[in-house]
mmCIF file of all heavy atoms, coordinates in Angstrom:
data_MODEL
# 
_entry.id   MODEL 
# 
loop_
_atom_site.group_PDB 
_atom_site.id 
_atom_site.type_symbol 
_atom_site.label_atom_id 
_atom_site.label_alt_id 
_atom_site.label_comp_id 
_atom_site.label_asym_id 
_atom_site.label_entity_id 
_atom_site.label_seq_id 
_atom_site.pdbx_PDB_ins_code 
_atom_site.Cartn_x 
_atom_site.Cartn_y 
_atom_site.Cartn_z 
_atom_site.occupancy 
_atom_site.B_iso_or_equiv 
_atom_site.pdbx_formal_charge 
_atom_site.auth_seq_id 
_atom_site.auth_comp_id 
_atom_site.auth_asym_id 
_atom_site.auth_atom_id 
_atom_site.pdbx_PDB_model_num 
ATOM 1   N N   . LEU A 1 1  ? 106.035 96.006  100.438 1.00 0.00 ? 1  LEU A N   1 
ATOM 2   C CA  . LEU A 1 1  ? 106.695 97.314  100.400 1.00 0.00 ? 1  LEU A CA  1 
ATOM 3   C C   . LEU A 1 1  ? 107.229 97.697  101.780 1.00 0.00 ? 1  LEU A C   1 
ATOM 4   O O   . LEU A 1 1  ? 108.358 98.196  101.903 1.00 0.00 ? 1  LEU A O   1 
ATOM 5   C CB  . LEU A 1 1  ? 105.733 98.384  99.887  1.00 0.00 ? 1  LEU A CB  1 
ATOM 6   C CG  . LEU A 1 1  ? 105.416 98.329  98.397  1.00 0.00 ? 1  LEU A CG  1 
ATOM 7   C CD1 . LEU A 1 1  ? 104.305 99.327  98.043  1.00 0.00 ? 1  LEU A CD1 1 
ATOM 8   C CD2 . LEU A 1 1  ? 106.660 98.598  97.570  1.00 0.00 ? 1  LEU A CD2 1 
ATOM 9   N N   . LEU A 1 2  ? 106.434 97.459  102.814 1.00 0.00 ? 2  LEU A N   1 
ATOM 10  C CA  . LEU A 1 2  ? 106.902 97.747  104.171 1.00 0.00 ? 2  LEU A CA  1 
ATOM 11  C C   . LEU A 1 2  ? 108.057 96.833  104.556 1.00 0.00 ? 2  LEU A C   1 
ATOM 12  O O   . LEU A 1 2  ? 109.017 97.274  105.197 1.00 0.00 ? 2  LEU A O   1 
ATOM 13  C CB  . LEU A 1 2  ? 105.762 97.605  105.170 1.00 0.00 ? 2  LEU A CB  1 
ATOM 14  C CG  . LEU A 1 2  ? 104.735 98.726  105.164 1.00 0.00 ? 2  LEU A CG  1 
ATOM 15  C CD1 . LEU A 1 2  ? 103.616 98.431  106.148 1.00 0.00 ? 2  LEU A CD1 1 
ATOM 16  C CD2 . LEU A 1 2  ? 105.369 100.049 105.464 1.00 0.00 ? 2  LEU A CD2 1 
ATOM 17  N N   . LEU A 1 3  ? 107.976 95.582  104.178 1.00 0.00 ? 3  LEU A N   1 
ATOM 18  C CA  . LEU A 1 3  ? 109.066 94.651  104.459 1.00 0.00 ? 3  LEU A CA  1 
ATOM 19  C C   . LEU A 1 3  ? 110.343 95.089  103.754 1.00 0.00 ? 3  LEU A C   1 
ATOM 20  O O   . LEU A 1 3  ? 111.432 95.068  104.340 1.00 0.00 ? 3  LEU A O   1 
ATOM 21  C CB  . LEU A 1 3  ? 108.678 93.230  104.038 1.00 0.00 ? 3  LEU A CB  1 
ATOM 22  C CG  . LEU A 1 3  ? 109.712 92.149  104.318 1.00 0.00 ? 3  LEU A CG  1 
ATOM 23  C CD1 . LEU A 1 3  ? 109.890 91.963  105.829 1.00 0.00 ? 3  LEU A CD1 1 
ATOM 24  C CD2 . LEU A 1 3  ? 109.287 90.836  103.676 1.00 0.00 ? 3  LEU A CD2 1 
ATOM 25  N N   . ALA A 1 4  ? 110.217 95.526  102.501 1.00 0.00 ? 4  ALA A N   1 
ATOM 26  C CA  . ALA A 1 4  ? 111.386 95.992  101.753 1.00 0.00 ? 4  ALA A CA  1 
ATOM 27  C C   . ALA A 1 4  ? 111.991 97.222  102.421 1.00 0.00 ? 4  ALA A C   1 
ATOM 28  O O   . ALA A 1 4  ? 113.221 97.335  102.533 1.00 0.00 ? 4  ALA A O   1 
ATOM 29  C CB  . ALA A 1 4  ? 110.993 96.311  100.313 1.00 0.00 ? 4  ALA A CB  1 
ATOM 30  N N   . GLN A 1 5  ? 111.144 98.145  102.888 1.00 0.00 ? 5  GLN A N   1 
ATOM 31  C CA  . GLN A 1 5  ? 111.655 99.328  103.567 1.00 0.00 ? 5  GLN A CA  1 
ATOM 32  C C   . GLN A 1 5  ? 112.393 98.936  104.839 1.00 0.00 ? 5  GLN A C   1 
ATOM 33  O O   . GLN A 1 5  ? 113.453 99.483  105.152 1.00 0.00 ? 5  GLN A O   1 
ATOM 34  C CB  . GLN A 1 5  ? 110.518 100.294 103.898 1.00 0.00 ? 5  GLN A CB  1 
ATOM 35  C CG  . GLN A 1 5  ? 111.001 101.569 104.541 1.00 0.00 ? 5  GLN A CG  1 
ATOM 36  C CD  . GLN A 1 5  ? 110.184 102.007 105.723 1.00 0.00 ? 5  GLN A CD  1 
ATOM 37  O OE1 . GLN A 1 5  ? 109.152 101.431 106.019 1.00 0.00 ? 5  GLN A OE1 1 
ATOM 38  N NE2 . GLN A 1 5  ? 110.661 103.025 106.404 1.00 0.00 ? 5  GLN A NE2 1 
ATOM 39  N N   . MET A 1 6  ? 111.855 97.969  105.561 1.00 0.00 ? 6  MET A N   1 
ATOM 40  C CA  . MET A 1 6  ? 112.501 97.533  106.802 1.00 0.00 ? 6  MET A CA  1 
ATOM 41  C C   . MET A 1 6  ? 113.846 96.855  106.522 1.00 0.00 ? 6  MET A C   1 
ATOM 42  O O   . MET A 1 6  ? 114.837 97.113  107.215 1.00 0.00 ? 6  MET A O   1 
ATOM 43  C CB  . MET A 1 6  ? 111.579 96.597  107.572 1.00 0.00 ? 6  MET A CB  1 
ATOM 44  C CG  . MET A 1 6  ? 110.328 97.297  108.075 1.00 0.00 ? 6  MET A CG  1 
ATOM 45  S SD  . MET A 1 6  ? 109.224 96.174  108.866 1.00 0.00 ? 6  MET A SD  1 
ATOM 46  C CE  . MET A 1 6  ? 109.762 96.391  110.548 1.00 0.00 ? 6  MET A CE  1 
ATOM 47  N N   . VAL A 1 7  ? 113.883 96.005  105.533 1.00 0.00 ? 7  VAL A N   1 
ATOM 48  C CA  . VAL A 1 7  ? 115.129 95.298  105.198 1.00 0.00 ? 7  VAL A CA  1 
ATOM 49  C C   . VAL A 1 7  ? 116.187 96.291  104.734 1.00 0.00 ? 7  VAL A C   1 
ATOM 50  O O   . VAL A 1 7  ? 117.338 96.253  105.191 1.00 0.00 ? 7  VAL A O   1 
ATOM 51  C CB  . VAL A 1 7  ? 114.861 94.214  104.127 1.00 0.00 ? 7  VAL A CB  1 
ATOM 52  C CG1 . VAL A 1 7  ? 116.153 93.681  103.542 1.00 0.00 ? 7  VAL A CG1 1 
ATOM 53  C CG2 . VAL A 1 7  ? 114.032 93.087  104.716 1.00 0.00 ? 7  VAL A CG2 1 
ATOM 54  N N   . VAL A 1 8  ? 115.802 97.207  103.846 1.00 0.00 ? 8  VAL A N   1 
ATOM 55  C CA  . VAL A 1 8  ? 116.752 98.201  103.337 1.00 0.00 ? 8  VAL A CA  1 
ATOM 56  C C   . VAL A 1 8  ? 117.234 99.106  104.465 1.00 0.00 ? 8  VAL A C   1 
ATOM 57  O O   . VAL A 1 8  ? 118.425 99.433  104.554 1.00 0.00 ? 8  VAL A O   1 
ATOM 58  C CB  . VAL A 1 8  ? 116.113 99.031  102.194 1.00 0.00 ? 8  VAL A CB  1 
ATOM 59  C CG1 . VAL A 1 8  ? 116.947 100.243 101.857 1.00 0.00 ? 8  VAL A CG1 1 
ATOM 60  C CG2 . VAL A 1 8  ? 115.921 98.160  100.962 1.00 0.00 ? 8  VAL A CG2 1 
ATOM 61  N N   . GLY A 1 9  ? 116.317 99.485  105.361 1.00 0.00 ? 9  GLY A N   1 
ATOM 62  C CA  . GLY A 1 9  ? 116.696 100.347 106.480 1.00 0.00 ? 9  GLY A CA  1 
ATOM 63  C C   . GLY A 1 9  ? 117.631 99.670  107.464 1.00 0.00 ? 9  GLY A C   1 
ATOM 64  O O   . GLY A 1 9  ? 118.603 100.267 107.917 1.00 0.00 ? 9  GLY A O   1 
ATOM 65  N N   . HIS A 1 10 ? 117.360 98.426  107.794 1.00 0.00 ? 10 HIS A N   1 
ATOM 66  C CA  . HIS A 1 10 ? 118.181 97.728  108.783 1.00 0.00 ? 10 HIS A CA  1 
ATOM 67  C C   . HIS A 1 10 ? 119.516 97.235  108.218 1.00 0.00 ? 10 HIS A C   1 
ATOM 68  O O   . HIS A 1 10 ? 120.519 97.227  108.926 1.00 0.00 ? 10 HIS A O   1 
ATOM 69  C CB  . HIS A 1 10 ? 117.408 96.555  109.393 1.00 0.00 ? 10 HIS A CB  1 
ATOM 70  C CG  . HIS A 1 10 ? 116.417 96.983  110.419 1.00 0.00 ? 10 HIS A CG  1 
ATOM 71  N ND1 . HIS A 1 10 ? 116.775 97.510  111.632 1.00 0.00 ? 10 HIS A ND1 1 
ATOM 72  C CD2 . HIS A 1 10 ? 115.055 96.983  110.395 1.00 0.00 ? 10 HIS A CD2 1 
ATOM 73  C CE1 . HIS A 1 10 ? 115.697 97.811  112.327 1.00 0.00 ? 10 HIS A CE1 1 
ATOM 74  N NE2 . HIS A 1 10 ? 114.637 97.503  111.592 1.00 0.00 ? 10 HIS A NE2 1 
ATOM 75  N N   . LEU A 1 11 ? 119.507 96.801  106.990 1.00 0.00 ? 11 LEU A N   1 
ATOM 76  C CA  . LEU A 1 11 ? 120.755 96.318  106.392 1.00 0.00 ? 11 LEU A CA  1 
ATOM 77  C C   . LEU A 1 11 ? 121.591 97.446  105.791 1.00 0.00 ? 11 LEU A C   1 
ATOM 78  O O   . LEU A 1 11 ? 122.673 97.191  105.266 1.00 0.00 ? 11 LEU A O   1 
ATOM 79  C CB  . LEU A 1 11 ? 120.460 95.260  105.325 1.00 0.00 ? 11 LEU A CB  1 
ATOM 80  C CG  . LEU A 1 11 ? 119.789 93.972  105.825 1.00 0.00 ? 11 LEU A CG  1 
ATOM 81  C CD1 . LEU A 1 11 ? 119.545 93.018  104.670 1.00 0.00 ? 11 LEU A CD1 1 
ATOM 82  C CD2 . LEU A 1 11 ? 120.639 93.312  106.900 1.00 0.00 ? 11 LEU A CD2 1 
ATOM 83  N N   . LYS A 1 12 ? 121.054 98.666  105.836 1.00 0.00 ? 12 LYS A N   1 
ATOM 84  C CA  . LYS A 1 12 ? 121.752 99.867  105.332 1.00 0.00 ? 12 LYS A CA  1 
ATOM 85  C C   . LYS A 1 12 ? 122.197 99.679  103.885 1.00 0.00 ? 12 LYS A C   1 
ATOM 86  O O   . LYS A 1 12 ? 123.323 100.007 103.522 1.00 0.00 ? 12 LYS A O   1 
ATOM 87  C CB  . LYS A 1 12 ? 122.911 100.219 106.245 1.00 0.00 ? 12 LYS A CB  1 
ATOM 88  C CG  . LYS A 1 12 ? 122.448 100.547 107.644 1.00 0.00 ? 12 LYS A CG  1 
ATOM 89  C CD  . LYS A 1 12 ? 123.587 100.818 108.570 1.00 0.00 ? 12 LYS A CD  1 
ATOM 90  C CE  . LYS A 1 12 ? 122.986 101.073 109.947 1.00 0.00 ? 12 LYS A CE  1 
ATOM 91  N NZ  . LYS A 1 12 ? 123.850 100.795 111.023 1.00 0.00 ? 12 LYS A NZ  1 
ATOM 92  N N   . LEU A 1 13 ? 121.283 99.146  103.075 1.00 0.00 ? 13 LEU A N   1 
ATOM 93  C CA  . LEU A 1 13 ? 121.573 98.958  101.656 1.00 0.00 ? 13 LEU A CA  1 
ATOM 94  C C   . LEU A 1 13 ? 121.570 100.287 100.910 1.00 0.00 ? 13 LEU A C   1 
ATOM 95  O O   . LEU A 1 13 ? 122.223 100.416 99.879  1.00 0.00 ? 13 LEU A O   1 
ATOM 96  C CB  . LEU A 1 13 ? 120.556 98.001  101.038 1.00 0.00 ? 13 LEU A CB  1 
ATOM 97  C CG  . LEU A 1 13 ? 120.529 96.590  101.639 1.00 0.00 ? 13 LEU A CG  1 
ATOM 98  C CD1 . LEU A 1 13 ? 119.396 95.778  101.029 1.00 0.00 ? 13 LEU A CD1 1 
ATOM 99  C CD2 . LEU A 1 13 ? 121.861 95.893  101.436 1.00 0.00 ? 13 LEU A CD2 1 
ATOM 100 N N   . LEU A 1 14 ? 120.818 101.249 101.417 1.00 0.00 ? 14 LEU A N   1 
ATOM 101 C CA  . LEU A 1 14 ? 120.787 102.604 100.866 1.00 0.00 ? 14 LEU A CA  1 
ATOM 102 C C   . LEU A 1 14 ? 121.039 103.583 102.011 1.00 0.00 ? 14 LEU A C   1 
ATOM 103 O O   . LEU A 1 14 ? 120.755 103.274 103.169 1.00 0.00 ? 14 LEU A O   1 
ATOM 104 C CB  . LEU A 1 14 ? 119.420 102.900 100.227 1.00 0.00 ? 14 LEU A CB  1 
ATOM 105 C CG  . LEU A 1 14 ? 119.068 102.111 98.973  1.00 0.00 ? 14 LEU A CG  1 
ATOM 106 C CD1 . LEU A 1 14 ? 117.629 102.393 98.555  1.00 0.00 ? 14 LEU A CD1 1 
ATOM 107 C CD2 . LEU A 1 14 ? 120.005 102.469 97.830  1.00 0.00 ? 14 LEU A CD2 1 
ATOM 108 N N   . PRO A 1 15 ? 121.548 104.779 101.704 1.00 0.00 ? 15 PRO A N   1 
ATOM 109 C CA  . PRO A 1 15 ? 121.770 105.758 102.775 1.00 0.00 ? 15 PRO A CA  1 
ATOM 110 C C   . PRO A 1 15 ? 120.446 106.136 103.462 1.00 0.00 ? 15 PRO A C   1 
ATOM 111 O O   . PRO A 1 15 ? 119.375 106.063 102.868 1.00 0.00 ? 15 PRO A O   1 
ATOM 112 C CB  . PRO A 1 15 ? 122.357 106.977 102.044 1.00 0.00 ? 15 PRO A CB  1 
ATOM 113 C CG  . PRO A 1 15 ? 122.668 106.534 100.668 1.00 0.00 ? 15 PRO A CG  1 
ATOM 114 C CD  . PRO A 1 15 ? 121.966 105.254 100.407 1.00 0.00 ? 15 PRO A CD  1 
ATOM 115 N N   . HIS A 1 16 ? 120.546 106.559 104.728 1.00 0.00 ? 16 HIS A N   1 
ATOM 116 C CA  . HIS A 1 16 ? 119.350 106.891 105.506 1.00 0.00 ? 16 HIS A CA  1 
ATOM 117 C C   . HIS A 1 16 ? 118.623 108.118 104.966 1.00 0.00 ? 16 HIS A C   1 
ATOM 118 O O   . HIS A 1 16 ? 117.450 108.312 105.282 1.00 0.00 ? 16 HIS A O   1 
ATOM 119 C CB  . HIS A 1 16 ? 119.702 107.089 106.988 1.00 0.00 ? 16 HIS A CB  1 
ATOM 120 C CG  . HIS A 1 16 ? 119.943 105.801 107.697 1.00 0.00 ? 16 HIS A CG  1 
ATOM 121 N ND1 . HIS A 1 16 ? 118.957 104.881 107.925 1.00 0.00 ? 16 HIS A ND1 1 
ATOM 122 C CD2 . HIS A 1 16 ? 121.078 105.261 108.204 1.00 0.00 ? 16 HIS A CD2 1 
ATOM 123 C CE1 . HIS A 1 16 ? 119.459 103.831 108.550 1.00 0.00 ? 16 HIS A CE1 1 
ATOM 124 N NE2 . HIS A 1 16 ? 120.748 104.037 108.730 1.00 0.00 ? 16 HIS A NE2 1 
ATOM 125 N N   . ASP A 1 17 ? 119.296 108.938 104.166 1.00 0.00 ? 17 ASP A N   1 
ATOM 126 C CA  . ASP A 1 17 ? 118.578 110.073 103.586 1.00 0.00 ? 17 ASP A CA  1 
ATOM 127 C C   . ASP A 1 17 ? 117.692 109.638 102.416 1.00 0.00 ? 17 ASP A C   1 
ATOM 128 O O   . ASP A 1 17 ? 116.835 110.386 101.973 1.00 0.00 ? 17 ASP A O   1 
ATOM 129 C CB  . ASP A 1 17 ? 119.543 111.182 103.159 1.00 0.00 ? 17 ASP A CB  1 
ATOM 130 C CG  . ASP A 1 17 ? 120.551 110.719 102.113 1.00 0.00 ? 17 ASP A CG  1 
ATOM 131 O OD1 . ASP A 1 17 ? 120.767 109.499 101.996 1.00 0.00 ? 17 ASP A OD1 1 
ATOM 132 O OD2 . ASP A 1 17 ? 121.119 111.591 101.428 1.00 0.00 ? 17 ASP A OD2 1 
ATOM 133 N N   . GLN A 1 18 ? 117.863 108.414 101.931 1.00 0.00 ? 18 GLN A N   1 
ATOM 134 C CA  . GLN A 1 18 ? 116.989 107.893 100.884 1.00 0.00 ? 18 GLN A CA  1 
ATOM 135 C C   . GLN A 1 18 ? 115.887 107.006 101.460 1.00 0.00 ? 18 GLN A C   1 
ATOM 136 O O   . GLN A 1 18 ? 114.748 107.074 101.011 1.00 0.00 ? 18 GLN A O   1 
ATOM 137 C CB  . GLN A 1 18 ? 117.789 107.113 99.842  1.00 0.00 ? 18 GLN A CB  1 
ATOM 138 C CG  . GLN A 1 18 ? 118.563 107.998 98.911  1.00 0.00 ? 18 GLN A CG  1 
ATOM 139 C CD  . GLN A 1 18 ? 119.131 107.205 97.752  1.00 0.00 ? 18 GLN A CD  1 
ATOM 140 O OE1 . GLN A 1 18 ? 119.328 105.993 97.844  1.00 0.00 ? 18 GLN A OE1 1 
ATOM 141 N NE2 . GLN A 1 18 ? 119.396 107.892 96.651  1.00 0.00 ? 18 GLN A NE2 1 
ATOM 142 N N   . VAL A 1 19 ? 116.232 106.141 102.394 1.00 0.00 ? 19 VAL A N   1 
ATOM 143 C CA  . VAL A 1 19 ? 115.244 105.262 103.027 1.00 0.00 ? 19 VAL A CA  1 
ATOM 144 C C   . VAL A 1 19 ? 115.441 105.322 104.536 1.00 0.00 ? 19 VAL A C   1 
ATOM 145 O O   . VAL A 1 19 ? 116.464 104.885 105.056 1.00 0.00 ? 19 VAL A O   1 
ATOM 146 C CB  . VAL A 1 19 ? 115.366 103.803 102.534 1.00 0.00 ? 19 VAL A CB  1 
ATOM 147 C CG1 . VAL A 1 19 ? 114.377 102.905 103.257 1.00 0.00 ? 19 VAL A CG1 1 
ATOM 148 C CG2 . VAL A 1 19 ? 115.142 103.721 101.046 1.00 0.00 ? 19 VAL A CG2 1 
ATOM 149 N N   . ALA A 1 20 ? 114.440 105.877 105.219 1.00 0.00 ? 20 ALA A N   1 
ATOM 150 C CA  . ALA A 1 20 ? 114.516 106.050 106.668 1.00 0.00 ? 20 ALA A CA  1 
ATOM 151 C C   . ALA A 1 20 ? 114.316 104.721 107.382 1.00 0.00 ? 20 ALA A C   1 
ATOM 152 O O   . ALA A 1 20 ? 113.762 103.770 106.827 1.00 0.00 ? 20 ALA A O   1 
ATOM 153 C CB  . ALA A 1 20 ? 113.443 107.038 107.119 1.00 0.00 ? 20 ALA A CB  1 
ATOM 154 N N   . MET A 1 21 ? 114.750 104.697 108.625 1.00 0.00 ? 21 MET A N   1 
ATOM 155 C CA  . MET A 1 21 ? 114.488 103.533 109.475 1.00 0.00 ? 21 MET A CA  1 
ATOM 156 C C   . MET A 1 21 ? 112.982 103.429 109.701 1.00 0.00 ? 21 MET A C   1 
ATOM 157 O O   . MET A 1 21 ? 112.278 104.440 109.730 1.00 0.00 ? 21 MET A O   1 
ATOM 158 C CB  . MET A 1 21 ? 115.209 103.679 110.814 1.00 0.00 ? 21 MET A CB  1 
ATOM 159 C CG  . MET A 1 21 ? 116.713 103.495 110.713 1.00 0.00 ? 21 MET A CG  1 
ATOM 160 S SD  . MET A 1 21 ? 117.200 101.860 110.160 1.00 0.00 ? 21 MET A SD  1 
ATOM 161 C CE  . MET A 1 21 ? 116.826 100.897 111.596 1.00 0.00 ? 21 MET A CE  1 
ATOM 162 N N   . PRO A 1 22 ? 112.472 102.232 109.880 1.00 0.00 ? 22 PRO A N   1 
ATOM 163 C CA  . PRO A 1 22 ? 111.021 102.067 110.046 1.00 0.00 ? 22 PRO A CA  1 
ATOM 164 C C   . PRO A 1 22 ? 110.520 102.648 111.367 1.00 0.00 ? 22 PRO A C   1 
ATOM 165 O O   . PRO A 1 22 ? 111.256 102.742 112.347 1.00 0.00 ? 22 PRO A O   1 
ATOM 166 C CB  . PRO A 1 22 ? 110.818 100.559 110.025 1.00 0.00 ? 22 PRO A CB  1 
ATOM 167 C CG  . PRO A 1 22 ? 112.140 99.941  109.972 1.00 0.00 ? 22 PRO A CG  1 
ATOM 168 C CD  . PRO A 1 22 ? 113.181 100.984 109.836 1.00 0.00 ? 22 PRO A CD  1 
ATOM 169 N N   . TYR A 1 23 ? 109.259 103.031 111.356 1.00 0.00 ? 23 TYR A N   1 
ATOM 170 C CA  . TYR A 1 23 ? 108.591 103.460 112.582 1.00 0.00 ? 23 TYR A CA  1 
ATOM 171 C C   . TYR A 1 23 ? 108.262 102.221 113.408 1.00 0.00 ? 23 TYR A C   1 
ATOM 172 O O   . TYR A 1 23 ? 108.232 101.101 112.897 1.00 0.00 ? 23 TYR A O   1 
ATOM 173 C CB  . TYR A 1 23 ? 107.301 104.220 112.255 1.00 0.00 ? 23 TYR A CB  1 
ATOM 174 C CG  . TYR A 1 23 ? 107.554 105.580 111.645 1.00 0.00 ? 23 TYR A CG  1 
ATOM 175 C CD1 . TYR A 1 23 ? 107.444 105.782 110.275 1.00 0.00 ? 23 TYR A CD1 1 
ATOM 176 C CD2 . TYR A 1 23 ? 107.882 106.669 112.450 1.00 0.00 ? 23 TYR A CD2 1 
ATOM 177 C CE1 . TYR A 1 23 ? 107.663 107.023 109.719 1.00 0.00 ? 23 TYR A CE1 1 
ATOM 178 C CE2 . TYR A 1 23 ? 108.109 107.919 111.892 1.00 0.00 ? 23 TYR A CE2 1 
ATOM 179 C CZ  . TYR A 1 23 ? 108.002 108.091 110.525 1.00 0.00 ? 23 TYR A CZ  1 
ATOM 180 O OH  . TYR A 1 23 ? 108.223 109.325 109.985 1.00 0.00 ? 23 TYR A OH  1 
ATOM 181 N N   . GLN A 1 24 ? 107.957 102.415 114.684 1.00 0.00 ? 24 GLN A N   1 
ATOM 182 C CA  . GLN A 1 24 ? 107.700 101.296 115.590 1.00 0.00 ? 24 GLN A CA  1 
ATOM 183 C C   . GLN A 1 24 ? 106.462 100.489 115.205 1.00 0.00 ? 24 GLN A C   1 
ATOM 184 O O   . GLN A 1 24 ? 106.411 99.286  115.412 1.00 0.00 ? 24 GLN A O   1 
ATOM 185 C CB  . GLN A 1 24 ? 107.560 101.806 117.027 1.00 0.00 ? 24 GLN A CB  1 
ATOM 186 C CG  . GLN A 1 24 ? 108.851 102.343 117.602 1.00 0.00 ? 24 GLN A CG  1 
ATOM 187 C CD  . GLN A 1 24 ? 109.936 101.282 117.655 1.00 0.00 ? 24 GLN A CD  1 
ATOM 188 O OE1 . GLN A 1 24 ? 109.694 100.160 118.080 1.00 0.00 ? 24 GLN A OE1 1 
ATOM 189 N NE2 . GLN A 1 24 ? 111.126 101.625 117.209 1.00 0.00 ? 24 GLN A NE2 1 
ATOM 190 N N   . TRP A 1 25 ? 105.454 101.121 114.639 1.00 0.00 ? 25 TRP A N   1 
ATOM 191 C CA  . TRP A 1 25 ? 104.206 100.423 114.322 1.00 0.00 ? 25 TRP A CA  1 
ATOM 192 C C   . TRP A 1 25 ? 104.388 99.421  113.185 1.00 0.00 ? 25 TRP A C   1 
ATOM 193 O O   . TRP A 1 25 ? 103.568 98.510  113.031 1.00 0.00 ? 25 TRP A O   1 
ATOM 194 C CB  . TRP A 1 25 ? 103.090 101.408 113.976 1.00 0.00 ? 25 TRP A CB  1 
ATOM 195 C CG  . TRP A 1 25 ? 103.311 102.173 112.715 1.00 0.00 ? 25 TRP A CG  1 
ATOM 196 C CD1 . TRP A 1 25 ? 103.927 103.381 112.586 1.00 0.00 ? 25 TRP A CD1 1 
ATOM 197 C CD2 . TRP A 1 25 ? 102.924 101.787 111.392 1.00 0.00 ? 25 TRP A CD2 1 
ATOM 198 N NE1 . TRP A 1 25 ? 103.946 103.770 111.280 1.00 0.00 ? 25 TRP A NE1 1 
ATOM 199 C CE2 . TRP A 1 25 ? 103.332 102.809 110.520 1.00 0.00 ? 25 TRP A CE2 1 
ATOM 200 C CE3 . TRP A 1 25 ? 102.269 100.683 110.862 1.00 0.00 ? 25 TRP A CE3 1 
ATOM 201 C CZ2 . TRP A 1 25 ? 103.115 102.762 109.149 1.00 0.00 ? 25 TRP A CZ2 1 
ATOM 202 C CZ3 . TRP A 1 25 ? 102.044 100.631 109.489 1.00 0.00 ? 25 TRP A CZ3 1 
ATOM 203 C CH2 . TRP A 1 25 ? 102.464 101.666 108.660 1.00 0.00 ? 25 TRP A CH2 1 
ATOM 204 N N   . GLU A 1 26 ? 105.427 99.591  112.405 1.00 0.00 ? 26 GLU A N   1 
ATOM 205 C CA  . GLU A 1 26 ? 105.624 98.714  111.251 1.00 0.00 ? 26 GLU A CA  1 
ATOM 206 C C   . GLU A 1 26 ? 105.993 97.287  111.662 1.00 0.00 ? 26 GLU A C   1 
ATOM 207 O O   . GLU A 1 26 ? 105.706 96.339  110.930 1.00 0.00 ? 26 GLU A O   1 
ATOM 208 C CB  . GLU A 1 26 ? 106.693 99.288  110.318 1.00 0.00 ? 26 GLU A CB  1 
ATOM 209 C CG  . GLU A 1 26 ? 106.267 100.608 109.688 1.00 0.00 ? 26 GLU A CG  1 
ATOM 210 C CD  . GLU A 1 26 ? 107.337 101.193 108.802 1.00 0.00 ? 26 GLU A CD  1 
ATOM 211 O OE1 . GLU A 1 26 ? 107.728 100.506 107.825 1.00 0.00 ? 26 GLU A OE1 1 
ATOM 212 O OE2 . GLU A 1 26 ? 107.798 102.313 109.086 1.00 0.00 ? 26 GLU A OE2 1 
ATOM 213 N N   . TYR A 1 27 ? 106.621 97.136  112.810 1.00 0.00 ? 27 TYR A N   1 
ATOM 214 C CA  . TYR A 1 27 ? 107.027 95.795  113.256 1.00 0.00 ? 27 TYR A CA  1 
ATOM 215 C C   . TYR A 1 27 ? 105.820 94.905  113.575 1.00 0.00 ? 27 TYR A C   1 
ATOM 216 O O   . TYR A 1 27 ? 105.741 93.789  113.054 1.00 0.00 ? 27 TYR A O   1 
ATOM 217 C CB  . TYR A 1 27 ? 107.981 95.898  114.448 1.00 0.00 ? 27 TYR A CB  1 
ATOM 218 C CG  . TYR A 1 27 ? 109.271 96.617  114.101 1.00 0.00 ? 27 TYR A CG  1 
ATOM 219 C CD1 . TYR A 1 27 ? 109.480 97.921  114.519 1.00 0.00 ? 27 TYR A CD1 1 
ATOM 220 C CD2 . TYR A 1 27 ? 110.249 95.999  113.336 1.00 0.00 ? 27 TYR A CD2 1 
ATOM 221 C CE1 . TYR A 1 27 ? 110.656 98.591  114.194 1.00 0.00 ? 27 TYR A CE1 1 
ATOM 222 C CE2 . TYR A 1 27 ? 111.418 96.656  112.995 1.00 0.00 ? 27 TYR A CE2 1 
ATOM 223 C CZ  . TYR A 1 27 ? 111.613 97.952  113.428 1.00 0.00 ? 27 TYR A CZ  1 
ATOM 224 O OH  . TYR A 1 27 ? 112.766 98.611  113.099 1.00 0.00 ? 27 TYR A OH  1 
ATOM 225 N N   . PRO A 1 28 ? 104.877 95.355  114.406 1.00 0.00 ? 28 PRO A N   1 
ATOM 226 C CA  . PRO A 1 28 ? 103.708 94.479  114.629 1.00 0.00 ? 28 PRO A CA  1 
ATOM 227 C C   . PRO A 1 28 ? 102.829 94.341  113.386 1.00 0.00 ? 28 PRO A C   1 
ATOM 228 O O   . PRO A 1 28 ? 102.139 93.337  113.231 1.00 0.00 ? 28 PRO A O   1 
ATOM 229 C CB  . PRO A 1 28 ? 102.945 95.143  115.779 1.00 0.00 ? 28 PRO A CB  1 
ATOM 230 C CG  . PRO A 1 28 ? 103.459 96.513  115.871 1.00 0.00 ? 28 PRO A CG  1 
ATOM 231 C CD  . PRO A 1 28 ? 104.847 96.513  115.305 1.00 0.00 ? 28 PRO A CD  1 
ATOM 232 N N   . TYR A 1 29 ? 102.895 95.331  112.492 1.00 0.00 ? 29 TYR A N   1 
ATOM 233 C CA  . TYR A 1 29 ? 102.091 95.236  111.270 1.00 0.00 ? 29 TYR A CA  1 
ATOM 234 C C   . TYR A 1 29 ? 102.561 94.073  110.386 1.00 0.00 ? 29 TYR A C   1 
ATOM 235 O O   . TYR A 1 29 ? 101.781 93.546  109.596 1.00 0.00 ? 29 TYR A O   1 
ATOM 236 C CB  . TYR A 1 29 ? 102.128 96.548  110.484 1.00 0.00 ? 29 TYR A CB  1 
ATOM 237 C CG  . TYR A 1 29 ? 101.197 96.539  109.294 1.00 0.00 ? 29 TYR A CG  1 
ATOM 238 C CD1 . TYR A 1 29 ? 99.831  96.713  109.463 1.00 0.00 ? 29 TYR A CD1 1 
ATOM 239 C CD2 . TYR A 1 29 ? 101.677 96.315  108.017 1.00 0.00 ? 29 TYR A CD2 1 
ATOM 240 C CE1 . TYR A 1 29 ? 98.967  96.684  108.383 1.00 0.00 ? 29 TYR A CE1 1 
ATOM 241 C CE2 . TYR A 1 29 ? 100.829 96.280  106.926 1.00 0.00 ? 29 TYR A CE2 1 
ATOM 242 C CZ  . TYR A 1 29 ? 99.475  96.462  107.116 1.00 0.00 ? 29 TYR A CZ  1 
ATOM 243 O OH  . TYR A 1 29 ? 98.616  96.411  106.044 1.00 0.00 ? 29 TYR A OH  1 
# 
């Protein structure tokens, strides 16, 4: 789920008002 949020956020597959960019802690997680 976190990976999907990161991919959707970075590839801008959905608008940012639907899926926010990931927080910094998500990358090392």
